[in-house]
C-alpha cells in the first residue's frame, strides 16, 4: 500500500481533485477533520463501496493511519487502483500542518 505524507497531500489537493475518505467514527470526525473529507466509518465501508468512484484519486484517512491502511487495502482488492493512505493519519496532519486542529 502506498502512503502519502501530510505535506504531499496538501500539495496534491492544491493541484488536482482528490477524494478524501475518513474512516474514523462519527465522534472522532466531529472533533477534527480535513476540509472536504467525507466520513465513511470503516465498518460501513463495504456498504458504501458502490457510491465511490474507482477511477478517482482517493486518499484514506483515520487517526494514526492503521484503519485507513486497512480501508485502502480493501478498496484495492475491490478494483480501486488510485488509492493512497495518509501516513500518520489526522494526528500527523495536525502536528505537521495545522497546529490549531483539535487533537485527541
Protein backbone atom coordinates (compact mmCIF):
# COMPACT_ATOMS: atom_id res chain seq x y z
CA UNK A 1 0.00 0.00 0.00
CA UNK A 2 1.33 3.40 -0.92
CA UNK A 3 1.35 6.09 1.77
CA UNK A 4 1.26 9.83 1.29
CA UNK A 5 2.65 12.36 3.76
CA UNK A 6 0.53 15.24 5.01
CA UNK A 7 2.62 17.80 3.11
CA UNK A 8 2.39 15.78 -0.11
CA UNK A 9 -1.38 15.51 0.32
CA UNK A 10 -1.63 19.27 0.90
CA UNK A 11 0.29 19.85 -2.34
CA UNK A 12 -1.80 17.30 -4.21
CA UNK A 13 -5.03 18.96 -3.04
CA UNK A 14 -3.80 22.26 -4.47
CA UNK A 15 -3.23 20.75 -7.91
CA UNK A 16 -5.86 18.13 -8.65
CA UNK A 17 -9.16 16.69 -7.49
CA UNK A 18 -8.78 14.23 -4.64
CA UNK A 19 -11.45 12.27 -2.80
CA UNK A 20 -10.62 12.07 0.91
CA UNK A 21 -12.41 9.31 2.77
CA UNK A 22 -12.18 9.45 6.56
CA UNK A 23 -12.83 6.04 8.10
CA UNK A 24 -12.95 7.15 11.73
CA UNK A 25 -16.05 7.07 13.88
CA UNK A 26 -18.51 9.99 13.80
CA UNK A 27 -17.45 11.22 17.24
CA UNK A 28 -13.82 11.39 16.05
CA UNK A 29 -14.77 13.16 12.82
CA UNK A 30 -16.73 15.74 14.82
CA UNK A 31 -13.56 16.65 16.75
CA UNK A 32 -11.38 17.35 13.73
CA UNK A 33 -11.27 16.69 10.02
CA UNK A 34 -9.52 17.64 6.82
CA UNK A 35 -11.67 20.15 4.95
CA UNK A 36 -13.56 18.42 2.16
CA UNK A 37 -13.21 14.92 3.56
CA UNK A 38 -16.13 12.51 3.59
CA UNK A 39 -16.94 10.37 6.62
CA UNK A 40 -17.35 6.66 5.89
CA UNK A 41 -16.63 4.72 9.10
CA UNK A 42 -14.51 1.65 8.47
CA UNK A 43 -17.20 -0.84 9.43
CA UNK A 44 -19.62 0.70 6.93
CA UNK A 45 -17.15 0.92 4.03
CA UNK A 46 -18.47 -2.22 2.29
CA UNK A 47 -21.98 -0.72 2.35
CA UNK A 48 -20.72 2.43 0.58
CA UNK A 49 -18.44 0.80 -1.97
CA UNK A 50 -20.88 1.31 -4.86
CA UNK A 51 -21.08 5.05 -4.05
CA UNK A 52 -17.32 5.54 -4.52
CA UNK A 53 -15.61 6.16 -7.85
CA UNK A 54 -12.95 3.50 -8.54
CA UNK A 55 -11.29 5.86 -11.06
CA UNK A 56 -10.90 8.78 -8.64
CA UNK A 57 -7.69 9.52 -6.83
CA UNK A 58 -8.69 8.57 -3.30
CA UNK A 59 -6.87 9.16 -0.02
CA UNK A 60 -7.92 7.24 3.06
CA UNK A 61 -7.61 8.89 6.48
CA UNK A 62 -8.02 7.81 10.10
CA UNK A 63 -6.49 8.82 13.44
CA UNK A 64 -2.98 7.34 13.07
CA UNK A 65 -3.10 5.58 9.69
CA UNK A 66 -3.85 2.00 10.73
CA UNK A 67 -7.58 1.79 9.96
CA UNK A 68 -7.13 3.82 6.80
CA UNK A 69 -4.39 1.44 5.66
CA UNK A 70 -6.82 -1.47 6.04
CA UNK A 71 -9.51 0.51 4.21
CA UNK A 72 -7.13 1.34 1.36
CA UNK A 73 -6.20 -2.32 1.02
CA UNK A 74 -9.90 -3.22 0.93
CA UNK A 75 -10.52 -0.71 -1.86
CA UNK A 76 -7.54 -2.04 -3.84
CA UNK A 77 -8.86 -5.59 -3.53
CA UNK A 78 -12.14 -4.27 -4.93
CA UNK A 79 -10.72 -2.70 -8.06
CA UNK A 80 -9.67 0.77 -6.91
CA UNK A 81 -6.24 1.49 -8.41
CA UNK A 82 -5.60 5.08 -7.32
CA UNK A 83 -5.77 4.73 -3.54
CA UNK A 84 -3.34 6.23 -1.05
CA UNK A 85 -3.15 6.11 2.74
CA UNK A 86 -2.40 9.24 4.78
CA UNK A 87 0.70 8.21 6.73
CA UNK A 88 0.28 9.05 10.40
CA UNK A 89 -3.37 9.95 9.88
CA UNK A 90 -5.14 13.08 11.04
CA UNK A 91 -2.83 13.19 14.07
CA UNK A 92 0.23 13.72 11.87
CA UNK A 93 -1.70 16.17 9.66
CA UNK A 94 -2.48 18.29 12.73
CA UNK A 95 1.04 18.04 14.13
CA UNK A 96 2.77 18.99 10.88
CA UNK A 97 0.32 21.25 9.06
CA UNK A 98 -2.42 22.55 11.32
CA UNK A 99 -1.44 23.08 14.96
CA UNK A 100 -4.82 24.76 15.60
CA UNK A 101 -6.63 21.49 14.80
CA UNK A 102 -8.03 19.65 17.81
CA UNK A 103 -6.05 16.55 18.69
CA UNK A 104 -7.10 13.57 20.75
